[in-house]
C-alpha atoms as a PDB file:
ATOM      1  CA  MET A   1     -85.868  39.485 -42.953  1.00  0.00           C
ATOM      2  CA  ASN A   2     -88.552  41.266 -40.908  1.00  0.00           C
ATOM      3  CA  GLU A   3     -89.103  39.339 -37.743  1.00  0.00           C
ATOM      4  CA  ASN A   4     -92.919  39.801 -38.156  1.00  0.00           C
ATOM      5  CA  LYS A   5     -94.223  36.193 -38.809  1.00  0.00           C
ATOM      6  CA  LYS A   6     -98.156  36.741 -38.783  1.00  0.00           C
ATOM      7  CA  ILE A   7     -99.798  34.915 -41.427  1.00  0.00           C
ATOM      8  CA  GLY A   8    -103.385  35.552 -42.180  1.00  0.00           C
ATOM      9  CA  CYS A   9    -105.470  33.357 -44.833  1.00  0.00           C
ATOM     10  CA  ILE A  10    -108.255  34.531 -46.880  1.00  0.00           C
ATOM     11  CA  ILE A  11    -110.709  32.387 -47.978  1.00  0.00           C
ATOM     12  CA  VAL A  12    -113.543  33.311 -50.539  1.00  0.00           C
ATOM     13  CA  LEU A  13    -116.903  31.436 -50.193  1.00  0.00           C
ATOM     14  CA  TYR A  14    -119.601  31.376 -52.842  1.00  0.00           C
ATOM     15  CA  ASN A  15    -122.481  28.804 -52.111  1.00  0.00           C
ATOM     16  CA  PRO A  16    -120.122  26.313 -50.663  1.00  0.00           C
ATOM     17  CA  ASN A  17    -120.185  22.450 -50.303  1.00  0.00           C
ATOM     18  CA  TRP A  18    -119.925  22.625 -46.529  1.00  0.00           C
ATOM     19  CA  GLU A  19    -118.391  19.004 -46.293  1.00  0.00           C
ATOM     20  CA  VAL A  20    -115.497  20.102 -48.574  1.00  0.00           C
ATOM     21  CA  THR A  21    -115.119  23.480 -47.171  1.00  0.00           C
ATOM     22  CA  HIS A  22    -115.093  22.132 -43.414  1.00  0.00           C
ATOM     23  CA  LYS A  23    -112.146  19.982 -44.456  1.00  0.00           C
ATOM     24  CA  VAL A  24    -110.208  22.871 -45.751  1.00  0.00           C
ATOM     25  CA  LEU A  25    -111.114  24.926 -42.331  1.00  0.00           C
ATOM     26  CA  GLU A  26    -110.180  22.139 -40.180  1.00  0.00           C
ATOM     27  CA  SER A  27    -106.702  21.900 -42.123  1.00  0.00           C
ATOM     28  CA  ILE A  28    -105.901  25.506 -42.486  1.00  0.00           C
ATOM     29  CA  TYR A  29    -107.077  27.172 -39.160  1.00  0.00           C
ATOM     30  CA  LYS A  30    -104.249  25.497 -37.090  1.00  0.00           C
ATOM     31  CA  GLN A  31    -101.626  26.698 -39.494  1.00  0.00           C
ATOM     32  CA  VAL A  32    -101.980  30.419 -39.508  1.00  0.00           C
ATOM     33  CA  ASP A  33    -102.728  33.436 -37.034  1.00  0.00           C
ATOM     34  CA  THR A  34    -106.040  34.230 -38.552  1.00  0.00           C
ATOM     35  CA  VAL A  35    -108.507  33.053 -41.125  1.00  0.00           C
ATOM     36  CA  PHE A  36    -110.611  35.925 -42.874  1.00  0.00           C
ATOM     37  CA  ILE A  37    -113.527  34.298 -44.496  1.00  0.00           C
ATOM     38  CA  VAL A  38    -115.232  36.811 -47.238  1.00  0.00           C
ATOM     39  CA  ASP A  39    -118.515  35.222 -48.359  1.00  0.00           C
ATOM     40  CA  ASN A  40    -119.821  36.183 -51.841  1.00  0.00           C
ATOM     41  CA  SER A  41    -122.980  34.020 -51.335  1.00  0.00           C
ATOM     42  CA  PRO A  42    -126.381  35.303 -51.794  1.00  0.00           C
ATOM     43  CA  ASN A  43    -127.175  34.606 -47.844  1.00  0.00           C
ATOM     44  CA  ALA A  44    -125.093  34.534 -45.062  1.00  0.00           C
ATOM     45  CA  GLN A  45    -123.853  31.104 -43.833  1.00  0.00           C
ATOM     46  CA  GLU A  46    -125.392  29.365 -40.815  1.00  0.00           C
ATOM     47  CA  VAL A  47    -122.374  28.369 -39.340  1.00  0.00           C
ATOM     48  CA  ASP A  48    -120.959  28.964 -35.888  1.00  0.00           C
ATOM     49  CA  PHE A  49    -117.370  29.956 -36.706  1.00  0.00           C
ATOM     50  CA  SER A  50    -116.586  30.840 -33.260  1.00  0.00           C
ATOM     51  CA  VAL A  51    -115.635  27.293 -32.406  1.00  0.00           C
ATOM     52  CA  TYR A  52    -112.445  28.044 -34.657  1.00  0.00           C
ATOM     53  CA  LYS A  53    -111.518  30.827 -32.291  1.00  0.00           C
ATOM     54  CA  ASN A  54    -109.261  32.520 -34.972  1.00  0.00           C
ATOM     55  CA  ILE A  55    -111.588  32.896 -37.788  1.00  0.00           C
ATOM     56  CA  VAL A  56    -113.256  36.140 -39.074  1.00  0.00           C
ATOM     57  CA  TYR A  57    -116.246  36.265 -40.975  1.00  0.00           C
ATOM     58  CA  HIS A  58    -117.198  38.878 -43.642  1.00  0.00           C
ATOM     59  CA  PHE A  59    -120.609  38.488 -45.334  1.00  0.00           C
ATOM     60  CA  ILE A  60    -120.520  41.050 -48.318  1.00  0.00           C
ATOM     61  CA  GLY A  61    -124.267  40.646 -49.238  1.00  0.00           C
ATOM     62  CA  GLY A  62    -124.129  39.370 -52.757  1.00  0.00           C
ATOM     63  CA  ASN A  63    -121.558  38.178 -55.307  1.00  0.00           C
ATOM     64  CA  LYS A  64    -118.932  40.970 -55.898  1.00  0.00           C
ATOM     65  CA  GLY A  65    -116.346  38.833 -57.436  1.00  0.00           C
ATOM     66  CA  ILE A  66    -113.309  36.994 -56.233  1.00  0.00           C
ATOM     67  CA  ALA A  67    -111.157  39.946 -56.787  1.00  0.00           C
ATOM     68  CA  ALA A  68    -113.143  42.341 -54.826  1.00  0.00           C
ATOM     69  CA  ALA A  69    -113.627  39.631 -51.914  1.00  0.00           C
ATOM     70  CA  GLN A  70    -109.886  39.027 -51.955  1.00  0.00           C
ATOM     71  CA  ASN A  71    -109.296  42.796 -51.762  1.00  0.00           C
ATOM     72  CA  ILE A  72    -111.548  43.107 -48.461  1.00  0.00           C
ATOM     73  CA  GLY A  73    -109.238  40.303 -46.855  1.00  0.00           C
ATOM     74  CA  ILE A  74    -106.084  41.900 -48.226  1.00  0.00           C
ATOM     75  CA  ASN A  75    -107.106  45.312 -46.675  1.00  0.00           C
ATOM     76  CA  TYR A  76    -107.776  43.478 -43.498  1.00  0.00           C
ATOM     77  CA  PHE A  77    -104.740  42.222 -43.019  1.00  0.00           C
ATOM     78  CA  LYS A  78    -102.689  45.130 -44.432  1.00  0.00           C
ATOM     79  CA  GLN A  79    -104.284  47.353 -41.577  1.00  0.00           C
ATOM     80  CA  ASN A  80    -103.494  44.649 -38.688  1.00  0.00           C
ATOM     81  CA  LYS A  81     -99.911  44.727 -39.970  1.00  0.00           C
ATOM     82  CA  TYR A  82     -99.482  40.945 -40.749  1.00  0.00           C
ATOM     83  CA  ALA A  83     -96.547  40.227 -42.758  1.00  0.00           C
ATOM     84  CA  PHE A  84     -98.024  37.171 -45.305  1.00  0.00           C
ATOM     85  CA  ILE A  85    -101.241  36.226 -46.853  1.00  0.00           C
ATOM     86  CA  ILE A  86    -101.967  32.690 -48.014  1.00  0.00           C
ATOM     87  CA  PHE A  87    -105.244  32.288 -50.362  1.00  0.00           C
ATOM     88  CA  PHE A  88    -107.661  29.580 -50.712  1.00  0.00           C
ATOM     89  CA  ASP A  89    -110.493  28.412 -52.799  1.00  0.00           C
ATOM     90  CA  GLN A  90    -113.560  26.925 -50.743  1.00  0.00           C
ATOM     91  CA  ASP A  91    -112.736  23.294 -52.141  1.00  0.00           C
ATOM     92  CA  SER A  92    -108.903  23.391 -52.342  1.00  0.00           C
ATOM     93  CA  ILE A  93    -107.995  21.179 -49.393  1.00  0.00           C
ATOM     94  CA  PRO A  94    -104.436  21.888 -47.796  1.00  0.00           C
ATOM     95  CA  PRO A  95    -102.008  19.350 -46.080  1.00  0.00           C
ATOM     96  CA  ILE A  96    -101.497  19.967 -42.348  1.00  0.00           C
ATOM     97  CA  ASP A  97     -97.825  21.244 -42.919  1.00  0.00           C
ATOM     98  CA  LEU A  98     -98.144  23.338 -45.854  1.00  0.00           C
ATOM     99  CA  VAL A  99     -97.947  27.085 -44.582  1.00  0.00           C
ATOM    100  CA  GLU A 100     -94.786  26.063 -42.581  1.00  0.00           C
ATOM    101  CA  HIS A 101     -93.344  24.246 -45.876  1.00  0.00           C
ATOM    102  CA  LEU A 102     -94.063  27.230 -47.963  1.00  0.00           C
ATOM    103  CA  TYR A 103     -92.602  29.694 -45.281  1.00  0.00           C
ATOM    104  CA  LYS A 104     -89.343  27.649 -45.298  1.00  0.00           C
ATOM    105  CA  LYS A 105     -89.097  27.758 -48.869  1.00  0.00           C
ATOM    106  CA  TYR A 106     -89.990  31.289 -49.155  1.00  0.00           C
ATOM    107  CA  LYS A 107     -87.228  32.088 -46.529  1.00  0.00           C
ATOM    108  CA  PHE A 108     -84.755  30.163 -48.689  1.00  0.00           C
ATOM    109  CA  LEU A 109     -85.238  32.034 -51.510  1.00  0.00           C
ATOM    110  CA  TYR A 110     -85.259  35.318 -49.877  1.00  0.00           C
ATOM    111  CA  GLU A 111     -81.939  34.707 -48.322  1.00  0.00           C
ATOM    112  CA  LYS A 112     -80.535  34.194 -51.643  1.00  0.00           C
ATOM    113  CA  ARG A 113     -81.864  37.837 -52.521  1.00  0.00           C
ATOM    114  CA  ILE A 114     -84.369  36.655 -54.897  1.00  0.00           C
ATOM    115  CA  LYS A 115     -87.596  39.104 -55.359  1.00  0.00           C
ATOM    116  CA  VAL A 116     -90.347  36.525 -54.357  1.00  0.00           C
ATOM    117  CA  GLY A 117     -93.722  37.808 -55.622  1.00  0.00           C
ATOM    118  CA  GLY A 118     -95.318  34.644 -54.359  1.00  0.00           C
ATOM    119  CA  ILE A 119     -94.745  30.756 -53.865  1.00  0.00           C
ATOM    120  CA  ALA A 120     -97.405  27.890 -53.998  1.00  0.00           C
ATOM    121  CA  PRO A 121     -97.822  24.213 -53.866  1.00  0.00           C
ATOM    122  CA  ARG A 122     -97.978  22.118 -56.615  1.00  0.00           C
ATOM    123  CA  PRO A 123    -101.682  21.749 -57.535  1.00  0.00           C
ATOM    124  CA  TYR A 124    -103.096  18.191 -57.787  1.00  0.00           C
ATOM    125  CA  ASN A 125    -106.507  17.317 -59.537  1.00  0.00           C
ATOM    126  CA  ARG A 126    -108.136  15.045 -56.929  1.00  0.00           C
ATOM    127  CA  ARG A 127    -110.621  14.125 -59.391  1.00  0.00           C
ATOM    128  CA  GLU A 128    -108.275  12.765 -61.928  1.00  0.00           C
ATOM    129  CA  LYS A 129    -105.697  11.885 -59.578  1.00  0.00           C
ATOM    130  CA  LYS A 130    -102.893  13.767 -61.292  1.00  0.00           C
ATOM    131  CA  ILE A 131    -101.014  16.943 -60.815  1.00  0.00           C
ATOM    132  CA  TYR A 132    -101.499  20.169 -62.852  1.00  0.00           C
ATOM    133  CA  LYS A 133     -98.814  21.270 -65.145  1.00  0.00           C
ATOM    134  CA  GLY A 134     -98.943  23.703 -67.819  1.00  0.00           C
ATOM    135  CA  THR A 135     -99.263  22.221 -71.456  1.00  0.00           C
ATOM    136  CA  ILE A 136     -97.242  25.236 -72.705  1.00  0.00           C
ATOM    137  CA  LYS A 137     -95.133  26.821 -70.149  1.00  0.00           C
ATOM    138  CA  LYS A 138     -94.022  24.295 -67.414  1.00  0.00           C
ATOM    139  CA  GLY A 139     -91.537  26.470 -65.977  1.00  0.00           C
ATOM    140  CA  LYS A 140     -88.022  25.803 -65.009  1.00  0.00           C
ATOM    141  CA  GLU A 141     -86.591  23.899 -62.074  1.00  0.00           C
ATOM    142  CA  VAL A 142     -84.129  26.517 -60.332  1.00  0.00           C
ATOM    143  CA  PHE A 143     -83.442  24.936 -57.128  1.00  0.00           C
ATOM    144  CA  PRO A 144     -84.098  21.326 -56.113  1.00  0.00           C
ATOM    145  CA  ASN A 145     -88.044  20.868 -55.987  1.00  0.00           C
ATOM    146  CA  ILE A 146     -88.563  24.661 -56.712  1.00  0.00           C
ATOM    147  CA  THR A 147     -89.669  25.558 -60.228  1.00  0.00           C
ATOM    148  CA  GLU A 148     -89.717  29.058 -61.325  1.00  0.00           C
ATOM    149  CA  VAL A 149     -93.016  29.768 -63.280  1.00  0.00           C
ATOM    150  CA  THR A 150     -94.553  33.059 -64.921  1.00  0.00           C
ATOM    151  CA  GLU A 151     -97.605  32.818 -62.725  1.00  0.00           C
ATOM    152  CA  ILE A 152     -99.298  30.913 -59.780  1.00  0.00           C
ATOM    153  CA  ILE A 153    -102.913  30.152 -59.239  1.00  0.00           C
ATOM    154  CA  SER A 154    -104.706  32.003 -56.357  1.00  0.00           C
ATOM    155  CA  SER A 155    -105.595  29.067 -54.227  1.00  0.00           C
ATOM    156  CA  ALA A 156    -102.644  28.450 -51.734  1.00  0.00           C
ATOM    157  CA  SER A 157    -100.611  31.284 -53.038  1.00  0.00           C
ATOM    158  CA  PHE A 158     -98.315  32.468 -50.268  1.00  0.00           C
ATOM    159  CA  ILE A 159     -97.580  36.085 -50.631  1.00  0.00           C
ATOM    160  CA  PRO A 160     -95.513  38.687 -48.478  1.00  0.00           C
ATOM    161  CA  ILE A 161     -98.140  41.534 -47.688  1.00  0.00           C
ATOM    162  CA  GLN A 162     -95.818  44.261 -48.595  1.00  0.00           C
ATOM    163  CA  ASN A 163     -96.087  43.150 -52.165  1.00  0.00           C
ATOM    164  CA  PHE A 164     -99.469  44.567 -52.524  1.00  0.00           C
ATOM    165  CA  GLU A 165     -98.064  47.762 -51.357  1.00  0.00           C
ATOM    166  CA  ILE A 166     -95.857  47.770 -54.138  1.00  0.00           C
ATOM    167  CA  VAL A 167     -98.080  46.374 -57.010  1.00  0.00           C
ATOM    168  CA  GLY A 168    -101.528  47.141 -55.866  1.00  0.00           C
ATOM    169  CA  ASN A 169    -104.464  44.764 -54.935  1.00  0.00           C
ATOM    170  CA  MET A 170    -106.356  42.432 -57.128  1.00  0.00           C
ATOM    171  CA  GLU A 171    -108.007  43.860 -60.218  1.00  0.00           C
ATOM    172  CA  GLU A 172    -111.672  44.039 -59.310  1.00  0.00           C
ATOM    173  CA  ASP A 173    -112.976  44.462 -62.886  1.00  0.00           C
ATOM    174  CA  LEU A 174    -112.065  40.945 -63.701  1.00  0.00           C
ATOM    175  CA  PHE A 175    -114.405  39.733 -61.448  1.00  0.00           C
ATOM    176  CA  ILE A 176    -113.375  36.211 -61.410  1.00  0.00           C
ATOM    177  CA  ASP A 177    -111.042  34.538 -64.156  1.00  0.00           C
ATOM    178  CA  ALA A 178    -107.470  35.272 -64.520  1.00  0.00           C
ATOM    179  CA  VAL A 179    -107.709  37.530 -61.336  1.00  0.00           C
ATOM    180  CA  ASP A 180    -104.559  35.499 -59.804  1.00  0.00           C
ATOM    181  CA  PHE A 181    -102.767  35.599 -63.343  1.00  0.00           C
ATOM    182  CA  GLU A 182    -102.906  39.210 -64.109  1.00  0.00           C
ATOM    183  CA  TRP A 183    -101.850  39.980 -60.558  1.00  0.00           C
ATOM    184  CA  CYS A 184     -98.672  37.808 -61.006  1.00  0.00           C
ATOM    185  CA  TRP A 185     -97.826  39.337 -64.526  1.00  0.00           C
ATOM    186  CA  ARG A 186     -98.359  43.106 -63.283  1.00  0.00           C
ATOM    187  CA  ALA A 187     -95.938  42.242 -60.401  1.00  0.00           C
ATOM    188  CA  THR A 188     -93.225  40.998 -62.553  1.00  0.00           C
ATOM    189  CA  HIS A 189     -94.000  43.958 -64.942  1.00  0.00           C
ATOM    190  CA  ARG A 190     -94.027  46.597 -62.013  1.00  0.00           C
ATOM    191  CA  ALA A 191     -91.443  45.344 -59.698  1.00  0.00           C
ATOM    192  CA  ASN A 192     -89.559  42.167 -61.238  1.00  0.00           C
ATOM    193  CA  PHE A 193     -91.191  39.970 -58.801  1.00  0.00           C
ATOM    194  CA  ARG A 194     -90.723  36.182 -59.362  1.00  0.00           C
ATOM    195  CA  PHE A 195     -93.169  33.092 -58.806  1.00  0.00           C
ATOM    196  CA  PHE A 196     -92.396  29.695 -57.730  1.00  0.00           C
ATOM    197  CA  ILE A 197     -93.850  26.408 -57.261  1.00  0.00           C
ATOM    198  CA  CYS A 198     -92.690  23.871 -54.580  1.00  0.00           C
ATOM    199  CA  GLU A 199     -92.582  20.418 -56.201  1.00  0.00           C
ATOM    200  CA  ASP A 200     -92.576  18.548 -52.957  1.00  0.00           C
ATOM    201  CA  ILE A 201     -95.787  19.456 -51.592  1.00  0.00           C
ATOM    202  CA  PHE A 202     -99.318  19.201 -53.350  1.00  0.00           C
ATOM    203  CA  LEU A 203    -102.535  20.957 -53.055  1.00  0.00           C
ATOM    204  CA  SER A 204    -105.817  18.922 -53.852  1.00  0.00           C
ATOM    205  CA  HIS A 205    -107.555  21.032 -56.010  1.00  0.00           C
ATOM    206  CA  GLN A 206    -110.364  20.817 -58.600  1.00  0.00           C
ATOM    207  CA  LEU A 207    -110.391  22.796 -61.688  1.00  0.00           C
ATOM    208  CA  GLY A 208    -113.826  23.408 -63.566  1.00  0.00           C
ATOM    209  CA  GLU A 209    -117.182  21.829 -62.939  1.00  0.00           C
ATOM    210  CA  LYS A 210    -116.146  18.518 -64.883  1.00  0.00           C
ATOM    211  CA  ASP A 211    -113.672  17.278 -67.089  1.00  0.00           C
ATOM    212  CA  LEU A 212    -114.221  16.467 -70.772  1.00  0.00           C
ATOM    213  CA  SER A 213    -112.157  13.561 -72.507  1.00  0.00           C
ATOM    214  CA  ILE A 214    -111.149  14.210 -76.073  1.00  0.00           C
ATOM    215  CA  GLY A 215    -108.751  11.685 -77.160  1.00  0.00           C
ATOM    216  CA  VAL A 216    -106.050  11.447 -74.359  1.00  0.00           C
ATOM    217  CA  LYS A 217    -106.647  14.949 -73.451  1.00  0.00           C
ATOM    218  CA  LYS A 218    -108.736  16.202 -70.538  1.00  0.00           C
ATOM    219  CA  ILE A 219    -110.219  19.587 -70.809  1.00  0.00           C
ATOM    220  CA  ALA A 220    -111.855  21.382 -67.801  1.00  0.00           C
ATOM    221  CA  ILE A 221    -115.414  22.435 -68.620  1.00  0.00           C
ATOM    222  CA  HIS A 222    -116.915  25.634 -67.005  1.00  0.00           C
ATOM    223  CA  SER A 223    -120.456  26.793 -66.892  1.00  0.00           C
ATOM    224  CA  PRO A 224    -121.614  29.337 -68.971  1.00  0.00           C
ATOM    225  CA  PHE A 225    -121.565  31.879 -66.468  1.00  0.00           C
ATOM    226  CA  ARG A 226    -117.712  31.421 -66.030  1.00  0.00           C
ATOM    227  CA  GLN A 227    -117.311  31.023 -69.910  1.00  0.00           C
ATOM    228  CA  TYR A 228    -118.487  34.815 -70.188  1.00  0.00           C
ATOM    229  CA  TYR A 229    -115.841  36.022 -68.070  1.00  0.00           C
ATOM    230  CA  ARG A 230    -113.226  33.667 -69.459  1.00  0.00           C
ATOM    231  CA  TYR A 231    -113.818  34.985 -72.936  1.00  0.00           C
ATOM    232  CA  ARG A 232    -114.355  38.706 -71.669  1.00  0.00           C
ATOM    233  CA  ASN A 233    -111.234  38.742 -69.717  1.00  0.00           C
ATOM    234  CA  PHE A 234    -109.067  37.207 -72.346  1.00  0.00           C
ATOM    235  CA  PHE A 235    -109.834  39.860 -74.876  1.00  0.00           C
ATOM    236  CA  LYS A 236    -109.526  42.703 -72.106  1.00  0.00           C
ATOM    237  CA  LEU A 237    -106.027  41.163 -71.400  1.00  0.00           C
ATOM    238  CA  LEU A 238    -104.971  40.611 -74.921  1.00  0.00           C
ATOM    239  CA  ILE A 239    -104.098  44.105 -75.535  1.00  0.00           C
ATOM    240  CA  ARG A 240    -101.975  44.422 -72.354  1.00  0.00           C
ATOM    241  CA  ASN A 241     -98.295  44.289 -73.032  1.00  0.00           C
ATOM    242  CA  TYR A 242     -97.295  42.646 -69.738  1.00  0.00           C
ATOM    243  CA  VAL A 243     -99.546  39.771 -70.555  1.00  0.00           C
ATOM    244  CA  PRO A 244     -97.185  36.892 -71.697  1.00  0.00           C
ATOM    245  CA  LEU A 245     -97.306  36.150 -75.417  1.00  0.00           C
ATOM    246  CA  TYR A 246     -97.418  32.361 -74.623  1.00  0.00           C
ATOM    247  CA  TRP A 247    -100.929  32.746 -72.692  1.00  0.00           C
ATOM    248  CA  LYS A 248    -102.267  34.990 -75.574  1.00  0.00           C
ATOM    249  CA  ILE A 249    -101.714  32.334 -78.372  1.00  0.00           C
ATOM    250  CA  SER A 250    -102.315  29.083 -76.366  1.00  0.00           C
ATOM    251  CA  ASN A 251    -105.699  30.537 -74.800  1.00  0.00           C
ATOM    252  CA  LEU A 252    -106.661  32.064 -78.490  1.00  0.00           C
ATOM    253  CA  ILE A 253    -106.272  28.471 -79.779  1.00  0.00           C
ATOM    254  CA  LYS A 254    -108.156  26.836 -76.770  1.00  0.00           C
ATOM    255  CA  TYR A 255    -110.926  29.580 -76.889  1.00  0.00           C
ATOM    256  CA  THR A 256    -111.325  29.472 -80.781  1.00  0.00           C
ATOM    257  CA  PHE A 257    -111.886  25.573 -80.208  1.00  0.00           C
ATOM    258  CA  LYS A 258    -114.693  26.070 -77.420  1.00  0.00           C
ATOM    259  CA  TYR A 259    -116.418  28.841 -79.387  1.00  0.00           C
ATOM    260  CA  PHE A 260    -117.333  26.126 -81.548  1.00  0.00           C
ATOM    261  CA  TYR A 261    -117.395  22.749 -79.371  1.00  0.00           C
ATOM    262  CA  LEU A 262    -119.411  24.210 -76.502  1.00  0.00           C
ATOM    263  CA  PRO A 263    -122.505  25.490 -78.036  1.00  0.00           C
ATOM    264  CA  LEU A 264    -122.849  22.696 -80.391  1.00  0.00           C
ATOM    265  CA  CYS A 265    -121.818  19.742 -78.023  1.00  0.00           C
ATOM    266  CA  ILE A 266    -122.478  20.719 -74.238  1.00  0.00           C
ATOM    267  CA  SER A 267    -125.879  21.431 -72.569  1.00  0.00           C
ATOM    268  CA  PRO A 268    -127.047  24.147 -72.203  1.00  0.00           C
ATOM    269  CA  ARG A 269    -125.965  24.955 -75.927  1.00  0.00           C
ATOM    270  CA  LYS A 270    -127.899  28.201 -76.322  1.00  0.00           C
ATOM    271  CA  GLU A 271    -126.873  29.711 -72.920  1.00  0.00           C
ATOM    272  CA  TYR A 272    -123.271  28.476 -73.764  1.00  0.00           C
ATOM    273  CA  PHE A 273    -123.455  30.460 -77.206  1.00  0.00           C
ATOM    274  CA  TYR A 274    -125.140  33.711 -75.623  1.00  0.00           C
ATOM    275  CA  LYS A 275    -122.617  33.863 -72.751  1.00  0.00           C
ATOM    276  CA  ILE A 276    -119.487  33.325 -75.021  1.00  0.00           C
ATOM    277  CA  ASN A 277    -120.737  35.790 -77.488  1.00  0.00           C
ATOM    278  CA  LYS A 278    -121.634  38.516 -74.933  1.00  0.00           C
ATOM    279  CA  GLY A 279    -118.383  37.840 -73.318  1.00  0.00           C
ATOM    280  CA  ILE A 280    -116.501  38.535 -76.649  1.00  0.00           C
ATOM    281  CA  TYR A 281    -118.368  41.806 -77.116  1.00  0.00           C
ATOM    282  CA  ASP A 282    -118.007  43.066 -73.719  1.00  0.00           C
ATOM    283  CA  GLY A 283    -114.427  42.103 -73.798  1.00  0.00           C
ATOM    284  CA  LEU A 284    -113.627  44.031 -77.045  1.00  0.00           C
ATOM    285  CA  LEU A 285    -115.977  46.944 -76.743  1.00  0.00           C
ATOM    286  CA  LYS A 286    -116.348  47.728 -73.046  1.00  0.00           C
END
């Protein structure tokens, strides 16, 4: 295993809630060699990042999408010859021993000659106080407290930087939704990389702007802006042979339900109707 253990962290900002983002920074900056912040916000943050010593702040000058922002960070750490990258959302709060834990699990898998595409903690919904597990594809426990999955979410994903040399960077055209999943599927398709979740460490995370209760089930509700990209990217990815069939089918069912439910029942109804239909049109025809 390469002796280089330099770990870089990429955090993408977009109009952050600084009370939460401050907690993210306070936890993560001590765990890595460098934190590279890429700001997608309309205006630069009026924050003195120099107090953290190891933070690099990069203001893009407008929302270029999470994939483009992540690629700026990836290229920075490639150029500076780091060994690993860990990604974070601006509102995902890591435990203080997260990076060390993920590194040890990665090393364990690596020493078993497993091609690790990436490894991540188990996401925990702090709003609902429950862990996130897929309802269709839950994964398989391959070692104690290590579950193999087909994809991991971006936030807190721990990835060897050499994997980006093999697979390529994030797909910028997707802009935001399914960027992380697409990269995982592409990595598996191109290089037989495998992905894992550590079940004995958790990431305080929040999915969507709010949750909607339908019977006993909770459904994350995203803004009309996000729904545009969710529908657009679903149809873009639907025709790709490396995208898992289970994802295509489960999302076809989910998006068919939301196509009727959101414009009829969730405000702003007209905006949901417009954004969803524009997303479908752009996904099929552009």
